Amino acid sequence: MIRPGLAVMLLAGLALAGCQTMGRGKRAPAVVPPAPAAAPVRSAPAPAPRILFLPRPATPPKACVPRSLGAPPRYPDTDAALRGAAGAADRYQLLAAGRILRQQRLDELERAIAGCR
């Protein structure tokens, strides 16, 4: 057996549920608003191409000194040669010969340096 208070609540609940469905007739179908148009999917922009700068191959340095430029000459006016000279005239000749050789060598070096510039 059901308790009297519980039966009253059960009947009241059924009556309320039945009242909501009675007397309205056919229900109109629920109108669902149309979904907004989907925005076109944009793809991510292509990454910018990477530009790699490769170092140029190192060119070998140009030899400025021509091969025709030989080793420096042996100068006759060394200290030992001047001490061993017999007289002042001999020492003077050794100094003059050394000066001529130095001047020729300096001219050769100046031409080589001018070609490098």
C-alpha atoms as a PDB file:
ATOM      1  CA  MET A   1       0.000   0.000   0.000  1.00  0.00           C
ATOM      2  CA  ILE A   2       1.058   3.514  -0.832  1.00  0.00           C
ATOM      3  CA  ARG A   3       0.983   6.170   1.770  1.00  0.00           C
ATOM      4  CA  PRO A   4      -1.724   8.786   1.272  1.00  0.00           C
ATOM      5  CA  GLY A   5       0.666  11.765   1.068  1.00  0.00           C
ATOM      6  CA  LEU A   6       2.813  10.090  -1.532  1.00  0.00           C
ATOM      7  CA  ALA A   7      -0.206   9.178  -3.658  1.00  0.00           C
ATOM      8  CA  VAL A   8      -1.393  12.782  -3.677  1.00  0.00           C
ATOM      9  CA  MET A   9       1.989  14.031  -4.812  1.00  0.00           C
ATOM     10  CA  LEU A  10       2.197  11.408  -7.515  1.00  0.00           C
ATOM     11  CA  LEU A  11      -1.234  12.281  -8.886  1.00  0.00           C
ATOM     12  CA  ALA A  12      -0.480  15.968  -8.784  1.00  0.00           C
ATOM     13  CA  GLY A  13       2.704  15.397 -10.762  1.00  0.00           C
ATOM     14  CA  LEU A  14       0.916  13.360 -13.406  1.00  0.00           C
ATOM     15  CA  ALA A  15      -1.818  15.975 -13.712  1.00  0.00           C
ATOM     16  CA  LEU A  16       0.672  18.718 -14.223  1.00  0.00           C
ATOM     17  CA  ALA A  17       2.555  16.735 -16.828  1.00  0.00           C
ATOM     18  CA  GLY A  18      -0.665  15.955 -18.668  1.00  0.00           C
ATOM     19  CA  CYS A  19      -1.814  19.565 -18.641  1.00  0.00           C
ATOM     20  CA  GLN A  20       1.204  20.695 -20.582  1.00  0.00           C
ATOM     21  CA  THR A  21       0.388  18.417 -23.513  1.00  0.00           C
ATOM     22  CA  MET A  22      -3.389  18.909 -23.680  1.00  0.00           C
ATOM     23  CA  GLY A  23      -5.267  21.552 -25.589  1.00  0.00           C
ATOM     24  CA  ARG A  24      -2.500  22.961 -27.657  1.00  0.00           C
ATOM     25  CA  GLY A  25      -3.074  20.870 -30.691  1.00  0.00           C
ATOM     26  CA  LYS A  26      -0.218  20.302 -33.104  1.00  0.00           C
ATOM     27  CA  ARG A  27       2.959  21.869 -32.176  1.00  0.00           C
ATOM     28  CA  ALA A  28       4.780  23.847 -34.773  1.00  0.00           C
ATOM     29  CA  PRO A  29       8.124  22.430 -35.568  1.00  0.00           C
ATOM     30  CA  ALA A  30      10.902  24.180 -33.808  1.00  0.00           C
ATOM     31  CA  VAL A  31      12.503  26.751 -36.075  1.00  0.00           C
ATOM     32  CA  VAL A  32      16.202  26.517 -36.004  1.00  0.00           C
ATOM     33  CA  PRO A  33      17.812  29.652 -37.286  1.00  0.00           C
ATOM     34  CA  PRO A  34      20.124  28.965 -40.207  1.00  0.00           C
ATOM     35  CA  ALA A  35      23.732  28.650 -39.296  1.00  0.00           C
ATOM     36  CA  PRO A  36      25.770  31.635 -40.347  1.00  0.00           C
ATOM     37  CA  ALA A  37      27.658  31.078 -43.550  1.00  0.00           C
ATOM     38  CA  ALA A  38      30.974  29.595 -42.728  1.00  0.00           C
ATOM     39  CA  ALA A  39      33.792  31.980 -43.478  1.00  0.00           C
ATOM     40  CA  PRO A  40      36.114  30.612 -46.115  1.00  0.00           C
ATOM     41  CA  VAL A  41      39.035  28.920 -44.522  1.00  0.00           C
ATOM     42  CA  ARG A  42      42.129  30.858 -45.270  1.00  0.00           C
ATOM     43  CA  SER A  43      45.299  28.948 -45.408  1.00  0.00           C
ATOM     44  CA  ALA A  44      48.293  30.383 -43.709  1.00  0.00           C
ATOM     45  CA  PRO A  45      50.383  32.504 -46.048  1.00  0.00           C
ATOM     46  CA  ALA A  46      53.321  30.715 -47.513  1.00  0.00           C
ATOM     47  CA  PRO A  47      56.492  31.522 -45.630  1.00  0.00           C
ATOM     48  CA  ALA A  48      58.785  33.914 -47.387  1.00  0.00           C
ATOM     49  CA  PRO A  49      61.567  32.111 -49.223  1.00  0.00           C
ATOM     50  CA  ARG A  50      64.813  32.113 -47.333  1.00  0.00           C
ATOM     51  CA  ILE A  51      67.681  33.621 -49.193  1.00  0.00           C
ATOM     52  CA  LEU A  52      70.995  32.155 -48.272  1.00  0.00           C
ATOM     53  CA  PHE A  53      74.050  34.179 -49.045  1.00  0.00           C
ATOM     54  CA  LEU A  54      76.937  31.875 -49.620  1.00  0.00           C
ATOM     55  CA  PRO A  55      80.374  33.373 -49.284  1.00  0.00           C
ATOM     56  CA  ARG A  56      82.267  33.606 -52.488  1.00  0.00           C
ATOM     57  CA  PRO A  57      85.214  31.307 -52.712  1.00  0.00           C
ATOM     58  CA  ALA A  58      88.304  33.115 -51.611  1.00  0.00           C
ATOM     59  CA  THR A  59      90.431  33.996 -54.581  1.00  0.00           C
ATOM     60  CA  PRO A  60      94.064  33.332 -53.991  1.00  0.00           C
ATOM     61  CA  PRO A  61      95.991  36.539 -53.505  1.00  0.00           C
ATOM     62  CA  LYS A  62      97.640  37.810 -56.620  1.00  0.00           C
ATOM     63  CA  ALA A  63     101.377  37.672 -56.399  1.00  0.00           C
ATOM     64  CA  CYS A  64     102.613  41.212 -56.804  1.00  0.00           C
ATOM     65  CA  VAL A  65     106.266  40.371 -56.892  1.00  0.00           C
ATOM     66  CA  PRO A  66     107.278  39.297 -60.403  1.00  0.00           C
ATOM     67  CA  ARG A  67     109.299  36.129 -60.748  1.00  0.00           C
ATOM     68  CA  SER A  68     111.968  38.044 -62.637  1.00  0.00           C
ATOM     69  CA  LEU A  69     112.839  39.877 -59.424  1.00  0.00           C
ATOM     70  CA  GLY A  70     115.620  37.782 -58.060  1.00  0.00           C
ATOM     71  CA  ALA A  71     117.339  37.663 -54.713  1.00  0.00           C
ATOM     72  CA  PRO A  72     119.181  40.777 -53.582  1.00  0.00           C
ATOM     73  CA  PRO A  73     122.724  41.058 -54.958  1.00  0.00           C
ATOM     74  CA  ARG A  74     125.815  40.585 -52.874  1.00  0.00           C
ATOM     75  CA  TYR A  75     127.007  44.080 -52.164  1.00  0.00           C
ATOM     76  CA  PRO A  76     130.779  44.539 -52.266  1.00  0.00           C
ATOM     77  CA  ASP A  77     130.947  47.225 -49.573  1.00  0.00           C
ATOM     78  CA  THR A  78     130.596  45.012 -46.536  1.00  0.00           C
ATOM     79  CA  ASP A  79     132.329  45.947 -43.278  1.00  0.00           C
ATOM     80  CA  ALA A  80     134.847  43.152 -43.679  1.00  0.00           C
ATOM     81  CA  ALA A  81     135.644  44.184 -47.278  1.00  0.00           C
ATOM     82  CA  LEU A  82     136.119  47.826 -46.304  1.00  0.00           C
ATOM     83  CA  ARG A  83     138.421  46.888 -43.387  1.00  0.00           C
ATOM     84  CA  GLY A  84     140.440  44.611 -45.634  1.00  0.00           C
ATOM     85  CA  ALA A  85     140.897  47.208 -48.392  1.00  0.00           C
ATOM     86  CA  ALA A  86     144.483  48.289 -49.023  1.00  0.00           C
ATOM     87  CA  GLY A  87     143.848  52.029 -49.143  1.00  0.00           C
ATOM     88  CA  ALA A  88     141.307  54.806 -49.277  1.00  0.00           C
ATOM     89  CA  ALA A  89     140.942  54.552 -53.065  1.00  0.00           C
ATOM     90  CA  ASP A  90     140.013  50.881 -52.806  1.00  0.00           C
ATOM     91  CA  ARG A  91     137.461  51.614 -50.096  1.00  0.00           C
ATOM     92  CA  TYR A  92     135.993  54.387 -52.266  1.00  0.00           C
ATOM     93  CA  GLN A  93     135.630  52.012 -55.224  1.00  0.00           C
ATOM     94  CA  LEU A  94     133.884  49.415 -53.035  1.00  0.00           C
ATOM     95  CA  LEU A  95     131.454  52.068 -51.749  1.00  0.00           C
ATOM     96  CA  ALA A  96     130.731  53.353 -55.275  1.00  0.00           C
ATOM     97  CA  ALA A  97     130.066  49.820 -56.608  1.00  0.00           C
ATOM     98  CA  GLY A  98     127.738  49.082 -53.650  1.00  0.00           C
ATOM     99  CA  ARG A  99     125.838  52.330 -54.265  1.00  0.00           C
ATOM    100  CA  ILE A 100     125.287  51.477 -57.941  1.00  0.00           C
ATOM    101  CA  LEU A 101     123.998  47.981 -57.066  1.00  0.00           C
ATOM    102  CA  ARG A 102     121.675  49.423 -54.373  1.00  0.00           C
ATOM    103  CA  GLN A 103     120.269  51.999 -56.795  1.00  0.00           C
ATOM    104  CA  GLN A 104     119.553  49.303 -59.423  1.00  0.00           C
ATOM    105  CA  ARG A 105     117.849  47.105 -56.833  1.00  0.00           C
ATOM    106  CA  LEU A 106     115.734  50.018 -55.598  1.00  0.00           C
ATOM    107  CA  ASP A 107     114.577  50.753 -59.186  1.00  0.00           C
ATOM    108  CA  GLU A 108     113.526  47.098 -59.648  1.00  0.00           C
ATOM    109  CA  LEU A 109     111.597  47.136 -56.340  1.00  0.00           C
ATOM    110  CA  GLU A 110     109.823  50.410 -57.222  1.00  0.00           C
ATOM    111  CA  ARG A 111     108.628  48.926 -60.546  1.00  0.00           C
ATOM    112  CA  ALA A 112     107.318  45.819 -58.754  1.00  0.00           C
ATOM    113  CA  ILE A 113     105.488  47.916 -56.162  1.00  0.00           C
ATOM    114  CA  ALA A 114     103.948  50.132 -58.876  1.00  0.00           C
ATOM    115  CA  GLY A 115     102.560  46.981 -60.568  1.00  0.00           C
ATOM    116  CA  CYS A 116     100.853  45.941 -57.304  1.00  0.00           C
ATOM    117  CA  ARG A 117      99.008  49.209 -56.815  1.00  0.00           C
END
